[in-house]
Amino acid sequence: MEALDILKKKISLLLEKIQNLNEEVRVLKEENTLLKDEAAELSFSVADGKEELTSEKEKAKVFVEGLIQSIDSLVEMENSDG
């Protein structure tokens, strides 16, 4: 009978361990889902940021080109007056 009691106790401990592992798996699956959602949101944010950066870069380029043209015009006026 002693061997059966030991076996019962070991099976009970094993079942408890399995339950703990199942709970851990459940929690990890939830965390995984949350992380996937967060990664998707970050991906969209990066895409939006990249698009905004491209737009700002284009605006800056146009502005700088305008400044260069203005400077060239001033230099030409200065040279023609002088």
PDB file of N, CA and C in Angstrom:
ATOM      1  N   MET A   1       0.821  -1.197   0.000  1.00  0.00           N
ATOM      2  CA  MET A   1       0.000   0.000   0.000  1.00  0.00           C
ATOM      3  C   MET A   1       0.864   1.259   0.000  1.00  0.00           C
ATOM      4  N   GLU A   2       2.013   1.193   0.626  1.00  0.00           N
ATOM      5  CA  GLU A   2       2.879   2.352   0.711  1.00  0.00           C
ATOM      6  C   GLU A   2       3.293   2.817  -0.684  1.00  0.00           C
ATOM      7  N   ALA A   3       3.575   1.888  -1.588  1.00  0.00           N
ATOM      8  CA  ALA A   3       3.960   2.234  -2.960  1.00  0.00           C
ATOM      9  C   ALA A   3       2.810   2.949  -3.664  1.00  0.00           C
ATOM     10  N   LEU A   4       1.568   2.517  -3.416  1.00  0.00           N
ATOM     11  CA  LEU A   4       0.407   3.165  -4.027  1.00  0.00           C
ATOM     12  C   LEU A   4       0.234   4.581  -3.506  1.00  0.00           C
ATOM     13  N   ASP A   5       0.466   4.787  -2.209  1.00  0.00           N
ATOM     14  CA  ASP A   5       0.361   6.121  -1.633  1.00  0.00           C
ATOM     15  C   ASP A   5       1.416   7.059  -2.243  1.00  0.00           C
ATOM     16  N   ILE A   6       2.616   6.545  -2.405  1.00  0.00           N
ATOM     17  CA  ILE A   6       3.683   7.341  -3.013  1.00  0.00           C
ATOM     18  C   ILE A   6       3.311   7.688  -4.459  1.00  0.00           C
ATOM     19  N   LEU A   7       2.786   6.694  -5.185  1.00  0.00           N
ATOM     20  CA  LEU A   7       2.372   6.901  -6.568  1.00  0.00           C
ATOM     21  C   LEU A   7       1.253   7.949  -6.648  1.00  0.00           C
ATOM     22  N   LYS A   8       0.279   7.858  -5.732  1.00  0.00           N
ATOM     23  CA  LYS A   8      -0.817   8.836  -5.693  1.00  0.00           C
ATOM     24  C   LYS A   8      -0.279  10.250  -5.480  1.00  0.00           C
ATOM     25  N   LYS A   9       0.640  10.354  -4.524  1.00  0.00           N
ATOM     26  CA  LYS A   9       1.221  11.655  -4.205  1.00  0.00           C
ATOM     27  C   LYS A   9       1.985  12.207  -5.409  1.00  0.00           C
ATOM     28  N   LYS A  10       2.754  11.364  -6.078  1.00  0.00           N
ATOM     29  CA  LYS A  10       3.524  11.806  -7.239  1.00  0.00           C
ATOM     30  C   LYS A  10       2.596  12.191  -8.393  1.00  0.00           C
ATOM     31  N   ILE A  11       1.533  11.432  -8.585  1.00  0.00           N
ATOM     32  CA  ILE A  11       0.565  11.762  -9.634  1.00  0.00           C
ATOM     33  C   ILE A  11      -0.125  13.082  -9.300  1.00  0.00           C
ATOM     34  N   SER A  12      -0.448  13.265  -8.043  1.00  0.00           N
ATOM     35  CA  SER A  12      -1.073  14.512  -7.608  1.00  0.00           C
ATOM     36  C   SER A  12      -0.146  15.697  -7.863  1.00  0.00           C
ATOM     37  N   LEU A  13       1.138  15.546  -7.521  1.00  0.00           N
ATOM     38  CA  LEU A  13       2.117  16.609  -7.774  1.00  0.00           C
ATOM     39  C   LEU A  13       2.278  16.867  -9.273  1.00  0.00           C
ATOM     40  N   LEU A  14       2.259  15.804 -10.047  1.00  0.00           N
ATOM     41  CA  LEU A  14       2.379  15.931 -11.495  1.00  0.00           C
ATOM     42  C   LEU A  14       1.169  16.673 -12.078  1.00  0.00           C
ATOM     43  N   LEU A  15      -0.017  16.329 -11.608  1.00  0.00           N
ATOM     44  CA  LEU A  15      -1.226  17.019 -12.068  1.00  0.00           C
ATOM     45  C   LEU A  15      -1.201  18.499 -11.699  1.00  0.00           C
ATOM     46  N   GLU A  16      -0.720  18.789 -10.509  1.00  0.00           N
ATOM     47  CA  GLU A  16      -0.591  20.181 -10.077  1.00  0.00           C
ATOM     48  C   GLU A  16       0.399  20.932 -10.975  1.00  0.00           C
ATOM     49  N   LYS A  17       1.502  20.285 -11.296  1.00  0.00           N
ATOM     50  CA  LYS A  17       2.498  20.878 -12.173  1.00  0.00           C
ATOM     51  C   LYS A  17       1.904  21.130 -13.557  1.00  0.00           C
ATOM     52  N   ILE A  18       1.136  20.190 -14.059  1.00  0.00           N
ATOM     53  CA  ILE A  18       0.488  20.343 -15.368  1.00  0.00           C
ATOM     54  C   ILE A  18      -0.491  21.510 -15.343  1.00  0.00           C
ATOM     55  N   GLN A  19      -1.258  21.627 -14.265  1.00  0.00           N
ATOM     56  CA  GLN A  19      -2.194  22.748 -14.143  1.00  0.00           C
ATOM     57  C   GLN A  19      -1.443  24.082 -14.128  1.00  0.00           C
ATOM     58  N   ASN A  20      -0.344  24.129 -13.404  1.00  0.00           N
ATOM     59  CA  ASN A  20       0.467  25.352 -13.355  1.00  0.00           C
ATOM     60  C   ASN A  20       1.025  25.699 -14.738  1.00  0.00           C
ATOM     61  N   LEU A  21       1.493  24.682 -15.445  1.00  0.00           N
ATOM     62  CA  LEU A  21       2.023  24.911 -16.785  1.00  0.00           C
ATOM     63  C   LEU A  21       0.928  25.370 -17.744  1.00  0.00           C
ATOM     64  N   ASN A  22      -0.253  24.777 -17.625  1.00  0.00           N
ATOM     65  CA  ASN A  22      -1.383  25.192 -18.466  1.00  0.00           C
ATOM     66  C   ASN A  22      -1.749  26.646 -18.200  1.00  0.00           C
ATOM     67  N   GLU A  23      -1.729  27.040 -16.956  1.00  0.00           N
ATOM     68  CA  GLU A  23      -2.016  28.435 -16.599  1.00  0.00           C
ATOM     69  C   GLU A  23      -0.939  29.355 -17.169  1.00  0.00           C
ATOM     70  N   GLU A  24       0.290  28.930 -17.071  1.00  0.00           N
ATOM     71  CA  GLU A  24       1.387  29.729 -17.609  1.00  0.00           C
ATOM     72  C   GLU A  24       1.251  29.873 -19.122  1.00  0.00           C
ATOM     73  N   VAL A  25       0.882  28.802 -19.799  1.00  0.00           N
ATOM     74  CA  VAL A  25       0.663  28.840 -21.246  1.00  0.00           C
ATOM     75  C   VAL A  25      -0.465  29.822 -21.578  1.00  0.00           C
ATOM     76  N   ARG A  26      -1.540  29.793 -20.800  1.00  0.00           N
ATOM     77  CA  ARG A  26      -2.671  30.691 -21.029  1.00  0.00           C
ATOM     78  C   ARG A  26      -2.230  32.154 -20.903  1.00  0.00           C
ATOM     79  N   VAL A  27      -1.483  32.438 -19.842  1.00  0.00           N
ATOM     80  CA  VAL A  27      -0.999  33.806 -19.615  1.00  0.00           C
ATOM     81  C   VAL A  27      -0.066  34.229 -20.753  1.00  0.00           C
ATOM     82  N   LEU A  28       0.823  33.343 -21.168  1.00  0.00           N
ATOM     83  CA  LEU A  28       1.757  33.668 -22.245  1.00  0.00           C
ATOM     84  C   LEU A  28       1.034  33.893 -23.569  1.00  0.00           C
ATOM     85  N   LYS A  29      -0.023  33.137 -23.813  1.00  0.00           N
ATOM     86  CA  LYS A  29      -0.815  33.348 -25.032  1.00  0.00           C
ATOM     87  C   LYS A  29      -1.478  34.717 -25.006  1.00  0.00           C
ATOM     88  N   GLU A  30      -2.001  35.105 -23.841  1.00  0.00           N
ATOM     89  CA  GLU A  30      -2.607  36.440 -23.716  1.00  0.00           C
ATOM     90  C   GLU A  30      -1.566  37.528 -23.957  1.00  0.00           C
ATOM     91  N   GLU A  31      -0.402  37.373 -23.347  1.00  0.00           N
ATOM     92  CA  GLU A  31       0.673  38.341 -23.531  1.00  0.00           C
ATOM     93  C   GLU A  31       1.098  38.393 -24.992  1.00  0.00           C
ATOM     94  N   ASN A  32       1.170  37.244 -25.628  1.00  0.00           N
ATOM     95  CA  ASN A  32       1.550  37.171 -27.038  1.00  0.00           C
ATOM     96  C   ASN A  32       0.551  37.937 -27.901  1.00  0.00           C
ATOM     97  N   THR A  33      -0.730  37.762 -27.619  1.00  0.00           N
ATOM     98  CA  THR A  33      -1.764  38.472 -28.367  1.00  0.00           C
ATOM     99  C   THR A  33      -1.615  39.981 -28.174  1.00  0.00           C
ATOM    100  N   LEU A  34      -1.406  40.400 -26.940  1.00  0.00           N
ATOM    101  CA  LEU A  34      -1.225  41.828 -26.669  1.00  0.00           C
ATOM    102  C   LEU A  34       0.003  42.376 -27.378  1.00  0.00           C
ATOM    103  N   LEU A  35       1.097  41.617 -27.354  1.00  0.00           N
ATOM    104  CA  LEU A  35       2.326  42.056 -28.007  1.00  0.00           C
ATOM    105  C   LEU A  35       2.161  42.125 -29.527  1.00  0.00           C
ATOM    106  N   LYS A  36       1.414  41.179 -30.094  1.00  0.00           N
ATOM    107  CA  LYS A  36       1.153  41.224 -31.537  1.00  0.00           C
ATOM    108  C   LYS A  36       0.352  42.473 -31.886  1.00  0.00           C
ATOM    109  N   ASP A  37      -0.653  42.782 -31.077  1.00  0.00           N
ATOM    110  CA  ASP A  37      -1.449  43.992 -31.307  1.00  0.00           C
ATOM    111  C   ASP A  37      -0.580  45.237 -31.197  1.00  0.00           C
ATOM    112  N   GLU A  38       0.269  45.266 -30.178  1.00  0.00           N
ATOM    113  CA  GLU A  38       1.164  46.410 -29.978  1.00  0.00           C
ATOM    114  C   GLU A  38       2.138  46.540 -31.145  1.00  0.00           C
ATOM    115  N   ALA A  39       2.651  45.417 -31.624  1.00  0.00           N
ATOM    116  CA  ALA A  39       3.578  45.440 -32.762  1.00  0.00           C
ATOM    117  C   ALA A  39       2.883  45.970 -34.012  1.00  0.00           C
ATOM    118  N   ALA A  40       1.628  45.577 -34.215  1.00  0.00           N
ATOM    119  CA  ALA A  40       0.872  46.071 -35.365  1.00  0.00           C
ATOM    120  C   ALA A  40       0.664  47.577 -35.257  1.00  0.00           C
ATOM    121  N   GLU A  41       0.317  48.054 -34.062  1.00  0.00           N
ATOM    122  CA  GLU A  41       0.132  49.487 -33.854  1.00  0.00           C
ATOM    123  C   GLU A  41       1.435  50.244 -34.105  1.00  0.00           C
ATOM    124  N   LEU A  42       2.534  49.703 -33.613  1.00  0.00           N
ATOM    125  CA  LEU A  42       3.834  50.339 -33.831  1.00  0.00           C
ATOM    126  C   LEU A  42       4.196  50.369 -35.308  1.00  0.00           C
ATOM    127  N   SER A  43       3.857  49.321 -36.005  1.00  0.00           N
ATOM    128  CA  SER A  43       4.127  49.258 -37.434  1.00  0.00           C
ATOM    129  C   SER A  43       3.370  50.359 -38.163  1.00  0.00           C
ATOM    130  N   PHE A  44       2.089  50.534 -37.806  1.00  0.00           N
ATOM    131  CA  PHE A  44       1.307  51.610 -38.411  1.00  0.00           C
ATOM    132  C   PHE A  44       1.884  52.970 -38.036  1.00  0.00           C
ATOM    133  N   SER A  45       2.311  53.122 -36.788  1.00  0.00           N
ATOM    134  CA  SER A  45       2.894  54.390 -36.349  1.00  0.00           C
ATOM    135  C   SER A  45       4.172  54.704 -37.118  1.00  0.00           C
ATOM    136  N   VAL A  46       4.984  53.698 -37.319  1.00  0.00           N
ATOM    137  CA  VAL A  46       6.224  53.886 -38.070  1.00  0.00           C
ATOM    138  C   VAL A  46       5.901  54.281 -39.508  1.00  0.00           C
ATOM    139  N   ALA A  47       4.925  53.616 -40.101  1.00  0.00           N
ATOM    140  CA  ALA A  47       4.540  53.943 -41.478  1.00  0.00           C
ATOM    141  C   ALA A  47       4.029  55.377 -41.557  1.00  0.00           C
ATOM    142  N   ASP A  48       3.198  55.768 -40.604  1.00  0.00           N
ATOM    143  CA  ASP A  48       2.687  57.142 -40.575  1.00  0.00           C
ATOM    144  C   ASP A  48       3.828  58.135 -40.378  1.00  0.00           C
ATOM    145  N   GLY A  49       4.737  57.819 -39.472  1.00  0.00           N
ATOM    146  CA  GLY A  49       5.878  58.685 -39.216  1.00  0.00           C
ATOM    147  C   GLY A  49       6.761  58.829 -40.445  1.00  0.00           C
ATOM    148  N   LYS A  50       6.956  57.730 -41.137  1.00  0.00           N
ATOM    149  CA  LYS A  50       7.776  57.759 -42.345  1.00  0.00           C
ATOM    150  C   LYS A  50       7.115  58.625 -43.411  1.00  0.00           C
ATOM    151  N   GLU A  51       5.814  58.479 -43.543  1.00  0.00           N
ATOM    152  CA  GLU A  51       5.073  59.281 -44.511  1.00  0.00           C
ATOM    153  C   GLU A  51       5.147  60.764 -44.151  1.00  0.00           C
ATOM    154  N   GLU A  52       4.979  61.063 -42.871  1.00  0.00           N
ATOM    155  CA  GLU A  52       5.055  62.452 -42.413  1.00  0.00           C
ATOM    156  C   GLU A  52       6.455  63.014 -42.630  1.00  0.00           C
ATOM    157  N   LEU A  53       7.474  62.210 -42.346  1.00  0.00           N
ATOM    158  CA  LEU A  53       8.858  62.646 -42.538  1.00  0.00           C
ATOM    159  C   LEU A  53       9.132  62.934 -44.010  1.00  0.00           C
ATOM    160  N   THR A  54       8.638  62.092 -44.877  1.00  0.00           N
ATOM    161  CA  THR A  54       8.821  62.305 -46.312  1.00  0.00           C
ATOM    162  C   THR A  54       8.162  63.610 -46.739  1.00  0.00           C
ATOM    163  N   SER A  55       6.968  63.864 -46.217  1.00  0.00           N
ATOM    164  CA  SER A  55       6.253  65.097 -46.524  1.00  0.00           C
ATOM    165  C   SER A  55       7.025  66.317 -46.023  1.00  0.00           C
ATOM    166  N   GLU A  56       7.512  66.239 -44.791  1.00  0.00           N
ATOM    167  CA  GLU A  56       8.277  67.353 -44.225  1.00  0.00           C
ATOM    168  C   GLU A  56       9.585  67.570 -44.983  1.00  0.00           C
ATOM    169  N   LYS A  57      10.195  66.487 -45.407  1.00  0.00           N
ATOM    170  CA  LYS A  57      11.440  66.576 -46.174  1.00  0.00           C
ATOM    171  C   LYS A  57      11.183  67.292 -47.499  1.00  0.00           C
ATOM    172  N   GLU A  58      10.080  66.954 -48.134  1.00  0.00           N
ATOM    173  CA  GLU A  58       9.724  67.599 -49.400  1.00  0.00           C
ATOM    174  C   GLU A  58       9.441  69.088 -49.198  1.00  0.00           C
ATOM    175  N   LYS A  59       8.743  69.424 -48.117  1.00  0.00           N
ATOM    176  CA  LYS A  59       8.473  70.835 -47.810  1.00  0.00           C
ATOM    177  C   LYS A  59       9.775  71.592 -47.574  1.00  0.00           C
ATOM    178  N   ALA A  60      10.688  70.984 -46.828  1.00  0.00           N
ATOM    179  CA  ALA A  60      11.979  71.618 -46.554  1.00  0.00           C
ATOM    180  C   ALA A  60      12.760  71.821 -47.846  1.00  0.00           C
ATOM    181  N   LYS A  61      12.707  70.835 -48.736  1.00  0.00           N
ATOM    182  CA  LYS A  61      13.413  70.931 -50.014  1.00  0.00           C
ATOM    183  C   LYS A  61      12.866  72.099 -50.832  1.00  0.00           C
ATOM    184  N   VAL A  62      11.544  72.213 -50.895  1.00  0.00           N
ATOM    185  CA  VAL A  62      10.918  73.309 -51.637  1.00  0.00           C
ATOM    186  C   VAL A  62      11.304  74.647 -51.011  1.00  0.00           C
ATOM    187  N   PHE A  63      11.295  74.715 -49.690  1.00  0.00           N
ATOM    188  CA  PHE A  63      11.647  75.945 -48.988  1.00  0.00           C
ATOM    189  C   PHE A  63      13.094  76.348 -49.285  1.00  0.00           C
ATOM    190  N   VAL A  64      14.001  75.389 -49.202  1.00  0.00           N
ATOM    191  CA  VAL A  64      15.420  75.662 -49.460  1.00  0.00           C
ATOM    192  C   VAL A  64      15.625  76.095 -50.912  1.00  0.00           C
ATOM    193  N   GLU A  65      14.937  75.433 -51.840  1.00  0.00           N
ATOM    194  CA  GLU A  65      15.046  75.825 -53.244  1.00  0.00           C
ATOM    195  C   GLU A  65      14.563  77.265 -53.436  1.00  0.00           C
ATOM    196  N   GLY A  66      13.487  77.623 -52.729  1.00  0.00           N
ATOM    197  CA  GLY A  66      12.988  78.997 -52.791  1.00  0.00           C
ATOM    198  C   GLY A  66      13.992  79.982 -52.235  1.00  0.00           C
ATOM    199  N   LEU A  67      14.623  79.617 -51.125  1.00  0.00           N
ATOM    200  CA  LEU A  67      15.657  80.480 -50.543  1.00  0.00           C
ATOM    201  C   LEU A  67      16.822  80.666 -51.507  1.00  0.00           C
ATOM    202  N   ILE A  68      17.236  79.591 -52.140  1.00  0.00           N
ATOM    203  CA  ILE A  68      18.354  79.662 -53.090  1.00  0.00           C
ATOM    204  C   ILE A  68      17.990  80.589 -54.250  1.00  0.00           C
ATOM    205  N   GLN A  69      16.771  80.448 -54.756  1.00  0.00           N
ATOM    206  CA  GLN A  69      16.335  81.320 -55.846  1.00  0.00           C
ATOM    207  C   GLN A  69      16.303  82.777 -55.402  1.00  0.00           C
ATOM    208  N   SER A  70      15.831  83.024 -54.178  1.00  0.00           N
ATOM    209  CA  SER A  70      15.796  84.395 -53.660  1.00  0.00           C
ATOM    210  C   SER A  70      17.200  84.968 -53.530  1.00  0.00           C
ATOM    211  N   ILE A  71      18.116  84.158 -53.016  1.00  0.00           N
ATOM    212  CA  ILE A  71      19.503  84.608 -52.865  1.00  0.00           C
ATOM    213  C   ILE A  71      20.112  84.879 -54.233  1.00  0.00           C
ATOM    214  N   ASP A  72      19.862  83.974 -55.191  1.00  0.00           N
ATOM    215  CA  ASP A  72      20.385  84.176 -56.540  1.00  0.00           C
ATOM    216  C   ASP A  72      19.831  85.464 -57.140  1.00  0.00           C
ATOM    217  N   SER A  73      18.552  85.725 -56.934  1.00  0.00           N
ATOM    218  CA  SER A  73      17.931  86.947 -57.451  1.00  0.00           C
ATOM    219  C   SER A  73      18.566  88.179 -56.824  1.00  0.00           C
ATOM    220  N   LEU A  74      18.784  88.130 -55.509  1.00  0.00           N
ATOM    221  CA  LEU A  74      19.425  89.268 -54.836  1.00  0.00           C
ATOM    222  C   LEU A  74      20.847  89.490 -55.342  1.00  0.00           C
ATOM    223  N   VAL A  75      21.583  88.420 -55.543  1.00  0.00           N
ATOM    224  CA  VAL A  75      22.957  88.529 -56.036  1.00  0.00           C
ATOM    225  C   VAL A  75      22.946  89.108 -57.449  1.00  0.00           C
ATOM    226  N   GLU A  76      22.032  88.636 -58.289  1.00  0.00           N
ATOM    227  CA  GLU A  76      21.937  89.160 -59.657  1.00  0.00           C
ATOM    228  C   GLU A  76      21.593  90.639 -59.652  1.00  0.00           C
ATOM    229  N   MET A  77      20.647  91.034 -58.776  1.00  0.00           N
ATOM    230  CA  MET A  77      20.266  92.444 -58.673  1.00  0.00           C
ATOM    231  C   MET A  77      21.450  93.276 -58.204  1.00  0.00           C
ATOM    232  N   GLU A  78      22.184  92.748 -57.254  1.00  0.00           N
ATOM    233  CA  GLU A  78      23.357  93.453 -56.708  1.00  0.00           C
ATOM    234  C   GLU A  78      24.407  93.617 -57.792  1.00  0.00           C
ATOM    235  N   ASN A  79      24.612  92.554 -58.581  1.00  0.00           N
ATOM    236  CA  ASN A  79      25.612  92.605 -59.649  1.00  0.00           C
ATOM    237  C   ASN A  79      25.185  93.548 -60.773  1.00  0.00           C
ATOM    238  N   SER A  80      23.914  93.587 -61.057  1.00  0.00           N
ATOM    239  CA  SER A  80      23.458  94.457 -62.147  1.00  0.00           C
ATOM    240  C   SER A  80      23.436  95.915 -61.727  1.00  0.00           C
ATOM    241  N   ASP A  81      23.259  96.198 -60.439  1.00  0.00           N
ATOM    242  CA  ASP A  81      23.269  97.568 -59.915  1.00  0.00           C
ATOM    243  C   ASP A  81      24.684  98.075 -59.769  1.00  0.00           C
ATOM    244  N   GLY A  82      25.568  97.201 -59.545  1.00  0.00           N
ATOM    245  CA  GLY A  82      26.852  97.587 -59.124  1.00  0.00           C
ATOM    246  C   GLY A  82      27.941  97.763 -60.001  1.00  0.00           C
TER     247      GLY A  82
END
